Amino acid sequence: MNNTVLIALLFLLPQSDFTSFSYCIENTRGPFELKCVELDPTGKGIFRFIPRNVDLIEIRIELSSGVATEFVKLLADTSYLADGAHYESNRNVANLGTKKLTLEGPTGIRAAEFNFSTRREVRKLASFFDRLIVQELLMFDIDVALEFDLLAIPKKLEQIE
């Protein structure tokens, strides 16, 4: 099935006319207090993060059309967070940071909050956003190095590999 047909089908599904989606990770440990991605259905949005003991940093992002399609498909696989109250696993796992998912649309707001989920579709969506956050943080580090510390660029590029 080509991407155009897939996009058309995805937008016919219930709640697919959402206006915004956010994925946030709050963590009491580690180098970041908060990492949050907010996107609209086209893949345009903002990445916000708060390094520990530093002010909020915001970066505009825009996903490619293929990645935006993947995002909407992963969201559709969760039935647009229809069962968000049941995402938390009963398993006892280490605190990986609280993940908060929020979907806003004409029918209202749907939300989910969990530390760890055993649901495959939820883990795939979380993994997608975890990879996006890592990519954005690496690009931010490279931009800062280009501006203030040219000697650090080789090390930053190694991290990307």
C-alpha atoms as a PDB file:
ATOM      1  CA  MET A   1       0.000   0.000   0.000  1.00  0.00           C
ATOM      2  CA  ASN A   2       1.493   3.345  -0.926  1.00  0.00           C
ATOM      3  CA  ASN A   3       1.926   6.175   1.570  1.00  0.00           C
ATOM      4  CA  THR A   4      -0.848   8.366   0.120  1.00  0.00           C
ATOM      5  CA  VAL A   5      -3.465   5.636   0.543  1.00  0.00           C
ATOM      6  CA  LEU A   6      -2.147   4.864   4.043  1.00  0.00           C
ATOM      7  CA  ILE A   7      -2.363   8.515   5.076  1.00  0.00           C
ATOM      8  CA  ALA A   8      -5.904   8.767   3.690  1.00  0.00           C
ATOM      9  CA  LEU A   9      -6.970   5.647   5.603  1.00  0.00           C
ATOM     10  CA  LEU A  10      -5.372   6.859   8.809  1.00  0.00           C
ATOM     11  CA  PHE A  11      -7.192  10.153   8.643  1.00  0.00           C
ATOM     12  CA  LEU A  12     -10.541   8.351   8.264  1.00  0.00           C
ATOM     13  CA  LEU A  13     -10.076   6.523  11.570  1.00  0.00           C
ATOM     14  CA  PRO A  14     -11.812   7.807  14.716  1.00  0.00           C
ATOM     15  CA  GLN A  15     -10.027  10.680  16.504  1.00  0.00           C
ATOM     16  CA  SER A  16      -7.547  10.988  13.613  1.00  0.00           C
ATOM     17  CA  ASP A  17      -8.494  14.622  13.276  1.00  0.00           C
ATOM     18  CA  PHE A  18      -6.560  15.391  16.438  1.00  0.00           C
ATOM     19  CA  THR A  19      -5.066  18.830  16.736  1.00  0.00           C
ATOM     20  CA  SER A  20      -2.031  18.007  18.861  1.00  0.00           C
ATOM     21  CA  PHE A  21      -0.206  15.181  20.562  1.00  0.00           C
ATOM     22  CA  SER A  22       2.431  15.420  23.266  1.00  0.00           C
ATOM     23  CA  TYR A  23       4.863  12.876  24.672  1.00  0.00           C
ATOM     24  CA  CYS A  24       6.656  13.947  27.829  1.00  0.00           C
ATOM     25  CA  ILE A  25       9.106  12.203  30.132  1.00  0.00           C
ATOM     26  CA  GLU A  26       9.529  13.515  33.650  1.00  0.00           C
ATOM     27  CA  ASN A  27      12.456  12.125  35.567  1.00  0.00           C
ATOM     28  CA  THR A  28      13.668  12.853  39.075  1.00  0.00           C
ATOM     29  CA  ARG A  29      17.145  11.528  38.234  1.00  0.00           C
ATOM     30  CA  GLY A  30      19.483  11.963  35.308  1.00  0.00           C
ATOM     31  CA  PRO A  31      20.614  15.009  33.375  1.00  0.00           C
ATOM     32  CA  PHE A  32      17.102  16.167  32.351  1.00  0.00           C
ATOM     33  CA  GLU A  33      14.105  17.036  34.475  1.00  0.00           C
ATOM     34  CA  LEU A  34      11.748  17.049  31.496  1.00  0.00           C
ATOM     35  CA  LYS A  35      11.828  16.101  27.822  1.00  0.00           C
ATOM     36  CA  CYS A  36       8.689  16.797  25.822  1.00  0.00           C
ATOM     37  CA  VAL A  37       7.697  16.601  22.147  1.00  0.00           C
ATOM     38  CA  GLU A  38       4.507  18.260  20.932  1.00  0.00           C
ATOM     39  CA  LEU A  39       3.348  17.561  17.376  1.00  0.00           C
ATOM     40  CA  ASP A  40       0.381  18.249  15.150  1.00  0.00           C
ATOM     41  CA  PRO A  41      -0.850  15.602  12.652  1.00  0.00           C
ATOM     42  CA  THR A  42       1.511  16.907   9.956  1.00  0.00           C
ATOM     43  CA  GLY A  43       4.582  16.371  12.158  1.00  0.00           C
ATOM     44  CA  LYS A  44       5.243  20.019  12.967  1.00  0.00           C
ATOM     45  CA  GLY A  45       5.839  20.996  16.544  1.00  0.00           C
ATOM     46  CA  ILE A  46       8.183  21.797  19.386  1.00  0.00           C
ATOM     47  CA  PHE A  47      10.738  19.860  21.370  1.00  0.00           C
ATOM     48  CA  ARG A  48      11.120  21.180  24.921  1.00  0.00           C
ATOM     49  CA  PHE A  49      13.580  20.042  27.515  1.00  0.00           C
ATOM     50  CA  ILE A  50      14.871  21.163  30.865  1.00  0.00           C
ATOM     51  CA  PRO A  51      18.417  20.152  31.724  1.00  0.00           C
ATOM     52  CA  ARG A  52      18.893  19.801  35.478  1.00  0.00           C
ATOM     53  CA  ASN A  53      19.408  23.255  37.059  1.00  0.00           C
ATOM     54  CA  VAL A  54      18.981  25.060  33.711  1.00  0.00           C
ATOM     55  CA  ASP A  55      16.081  26.963  32.146  1.00  0.00           C
ATOM     56  CA  LEU A  56      13.647  25.509  29.629  1.00  0.00           C
ATOM     57  CA  ILE A  57      14.977  25.114  26.070  1.00  0.00           C
ATOM     58  CA  GLU A  58      12.602  25.008  23.071  1.00  0.00           C
ATOM     59  CA  ILE A  59      13.412  23.843  19.553  1.00  0.00           C
ATOM     60  CA  ARG A  60      11.026  23.885  16.596  1.00  0.00           C
ATOM     61  CA  ILE A  61      10.885  20.554  14.777  1.00  0.00           C
ATOM     62  CA  GLU A  62       9.303  19.276  11.581  1.00  0.00           C
ATOM     63  CA  LEU A  63       9.196  15.592  10.729  1.00  0.00           C
ATOM     64  CA  SER A  64       9.622  14.436   7.154  1.00  0.00           C
ATOM     65  CA  SER A  65       6.385  13.265   5.516  1.00  0.00           C
ATOM     66  CA  GLY A  66       7.397   9.592   5.870  1.00  0.00           C
ATOM     67  CA  VAL A  67       8.219   9.957   9.550  1.00  0.00           C
ATOM     68  CA  ALA A  68       5.028  11.968  10.149  1.00  0.00           C
ATOM     69  CA  THR A  69       3.074   9.128   8.522  1.00  0.00           C
ATOM     70  CA  GLU A  70       4.810   6.633  10.811  1.00  0.00           C
ATOM     71  CA  PHE A  71       3.926   8.806  13.827  1.00  0.00           C
ATOM     72  CA  VAL A  72       0.220   8.918  12.901  1.00  0.00           C
ATOM     73  CA  LYS A  73       0.180   5.161  12.209  1.00  0.00           C
ATOM     74  CA  LEU A  74       1.761   4.380  15.593  1.00  0.00           C
ATOM     75  CA  LEU A  75      -0.774   6.646  17.266  1.00  0.00           C
ATOM     76  CA  ALA A  76      -3.611   4.927  15.356  1.00  0.00           C
ATOM     77  CA  ASP A  77      -2.285   1.552  16.538  1.00  0.00           C
ATOM     78  CA  THR A  78      -3.049   2.684  20.111  1.00  0.00           C
ATOM     79  CA  SER A  79      -6.605   3.593  18.993  1.00  0.00           C
ATOM     80  CA  TYR A  80      -5.636   7.197  19.654  1.00  0.00           C
ATOM     81  CA  LEU A  81      -5.046   6.542  23.371  1.00  0.00           C
ATOM     82  CA  ALA A  82      -8.587   5.202  23.797  1.00  0.00           C
ATOM     83  CA  ASP A  83      -7.469   2.826  26.585  1.00  0.00           C
ATOM     84  CA  GLY A  84      -4.818   5.072  28.140  1.00  0.00           C
ATOM     85  CA  ALA A  85      -5.835   4.338  31.706  1.00  0.00           C
ATOM     86  CA  HIS A  86      -4.561   0.765  31.312  1.00  0.00           C
ATOM     87  CA  TYR A  87      -1.078   1.332  29.880  1.00  0.00           C
ATOM     88  CA  GLU A  88       0.866   0.827  33.122  1.00  0.00           C
ATOM     89  CA  SER A  89       2.259  -2.676  33.547  1.00  0.00           C
ATOM     90  CA  ASN A  90       1.685  -4.680  36.715  1.00  0.00           C
ATOM     91  CA  ARG A  91       5.323  -5.768  36.570  1.00  0.00           C
ATOM     92  CA  ASN A  92       7.686  -4.270  39.097  1.00  0.00           C
ATOM     93  CA  VAL A  93      10.352  -2.448  37.061  1.00  0.00           C
ATOM     94  CA  ALA A  94      12.865   0.294  37.801  1.00  0.00           C
ATOM     95  CA  ASN A  95      11.603   3.847  37.522  1.00  0.00           C
ATOM     96  CA  LEU A  96      12.380   4.796  33.926  1.00  0.00           C
ATOM     97  CA  GLY A  97      10.715   8.174  34.214  1.00  0.00           C
ATOM     98  CA  THR A  98       7.024   8.927  34.006  1.00  0.00           C
ATOM     99  CA  LYS A  99       5.788   9.057  30.423  1.00  0.00           C
ATOM    100  CA  LYS A 100       2.799  11.290  29.802  1.00  0.00           C
ATOM    101  CA  LEU A 101       0.910  11.099  26.522  1.00  0.00           C
ATOM    102  CA  THR A 102      -1.793  13.628  25.686  1.00  0.00           C
ATOM    103  CA  LEU A 103      -3.965  13.776  22.587  1.00  0.00           C
ATOM    104  CA  GLU A 104      -6.150  16.819  21.937  1.00  0.00           C
ATOM    105  CA  GLY A 105      -8.907  16.912  19.359  1.00  0.00           C
ATOM    106  CA  PRO A 106     -12.427  18.074  18.656  1.00  0.00           C
ATOM    107  CA  THR A 107     -13.870  15.275  20.825  1.00  0.00           C
ATOM    108  CA  GLY A 108     -11.783  16.297  23.833  1.00  0.00           C
ATOM    109  CA  ILE A 109      -8.532  15.284  25.494  1.00  0.00           C
ATOM    110  CA  ARG A 110      -7.239  11.756  25.931  1.00  0.00           C
ATOM    111  CA  ALA A 111      -4.308  11.094  28.225  1.00  0.00           C
ATOM    112  CA  ALA A 112      -2.147   8.252  29.471  1.00  0.00           C
ATOM    113  CA  GLU A 113       0.556   8.115  32.113  1.00  0.00           C
ATOM    114  CA  PHE A 114       2.895   5.214  32.805  1.00  0.00           C
ATOM    115  CA  ASN A 115       6.393   4.195  33.804  1.00  0.00           C
ATOM    116  CA  PHE A 116       6.506   0.917  31.872  1.00  0.00           C
ATOM    117  CA  SER A 117       3.967  -0.736  29.593  1.00  0.00           C
ATOM    118  CA  THR A 118       3.833  -4.305  28.315  1.00  0.00           C
ATOM    119  CA  ARG A 119       1.490  -3.321  25.508  1.00  0.00           C
ATOM    120  CA  ARG A 120       3.346  -3.698  22.238  1.00  0.00           C
ATOM    121  CA  GLU A 121       1.683  -0.754  20.457  1.00  0.00           C
ATOM    122  CA  VAL A 122       2.370   1.573  23.391  1.00  0.00           C
ATOM    123  CA  ARG A 123       6.023   0.495  23.600  1.00  0.00           C
ATOM    124  CA  LYS A 124       6.425   1.131  19.854  1.00  0.00           C
ATOM    125  CA  LEU A 125       4.975   4.632  20.174  1.00  0.00           C
ATOM    126  CA  ALA A 126       7.166   5.395  23.208  1.00  0.00           C
ATOM    127  CA  SER A 127      10.234   4.005  21.425  1.00  0.00           C
ATOM    128  CA  PHE A 128       9.528   6.228  18.409  1.00  0.00           C
ATOM    129  CA  PHE A 129       9.491   9.315  20.631  1.00  0.00           C
ATOM    130  CA  ASP A 130      12.489   8.197  22.695  1.00  0.00           C
ATOM    131  CA  ARG A 131      14.535   7.912  19.467  1.00  0.00           C
ATOM    132  CA  LEU A 132      13.265  11.310  18.281  1.00  0.00           C
ATOM    133  CA  ILE A 133      14.271  12.901  21.594  1.00  0.00           C
ATOM    134  CA  VAL A 134      17.770  11.385  21.453  1.00  0.00           C
ATOM    135  CA  GLN A 135      18.185  12.662  17.878  1.00  0.00           C
ATOM    136  CA  GLU A 136      17.061  16.172  18.811  1.00  0.00           C
ATOM    137  CA  LEU A 137      19.360  16.281  21.847  1.00  0.00           C
ATOM    138  CA  LEU A 138      22.341  15.199  19.716  1.00  0.00           C
ATOM    139  CA  MET A 139      21.557  17.849  17.103  1.00  0.00           C
ATOM    140  CA  PHE A 140      21.263  20.466  19.854  1.00  0.00           C
ATOM    141  CA  ASP A 141      24.683  19.434  21.227  1.00  0.00           C
ATOM    142  CA  ILE A 142      26.214  19.709  17.751  1.00  0.00           C
ATOM    143  CA  ASP A 143      24.665  23.149  17.190  1.00  0.00           C
ATOM    144  CA  VAL A 144      26.071  24.361  20.516  1.00  0.00           C
ATOM    145  CA  ALA A 145      29.492  22.875  19.680  1.00  0.00           C
ATOM    146  CA  LEU A 146      29.477  24.573  16.262  1.00  0.00           C
ATOM    147  CA  GLU A 147      28.841  27.893  17.925  1.00  0.00           C
ATOM    148  CA  PHE A 148      30.998  27.650  21.044  1.00  0.00           C
ATOM    149  CA  ASP A 149      33.339  24.626  20.971  1.00  0.00           C
ATOM    150  CA  LEU A 150      34.560  23.525  17.547  1.00  0.00           C
ATOM    151  CA  LEU A 151      37.017  21.054  19.092  1.00  0.00           C
ATOM    152  CA  ALA A 152      34.142  19.040  20.564  1.00  0.00           C
ATOM    153  CA  ILE A 153      32.544  18.317  17.172  1.00  0.00           C
ATOM    154  CA  PRO A 154      34.461  15.062  16.431  1.00  0.00           C
ATOM    155  CA  LYS A 155      33.371  13.623  19.792  1.00  0.00           C
ATOM    156  CA  LYS A 156      29.754  14.657  19.144  1.00  0.00           C
ATOM    157  CA  LEU A 157      29.833  13.013  15.718  1.00  0.00           C
ATOM    158  CA  GLU A 158      31.138   9.804  17.285  1.00  0.00           C
ATOM    159  CA  GLN A 159      28.147   9.819  19.619  1.00  0.00           C
ATOM    160  CA  ILE A 160      25.824   9.897  16.623  1.00  0.00           C
ATOM    161  CA  GLU A 161      27.437   6.777  15.206  1.00  0.00           C
END
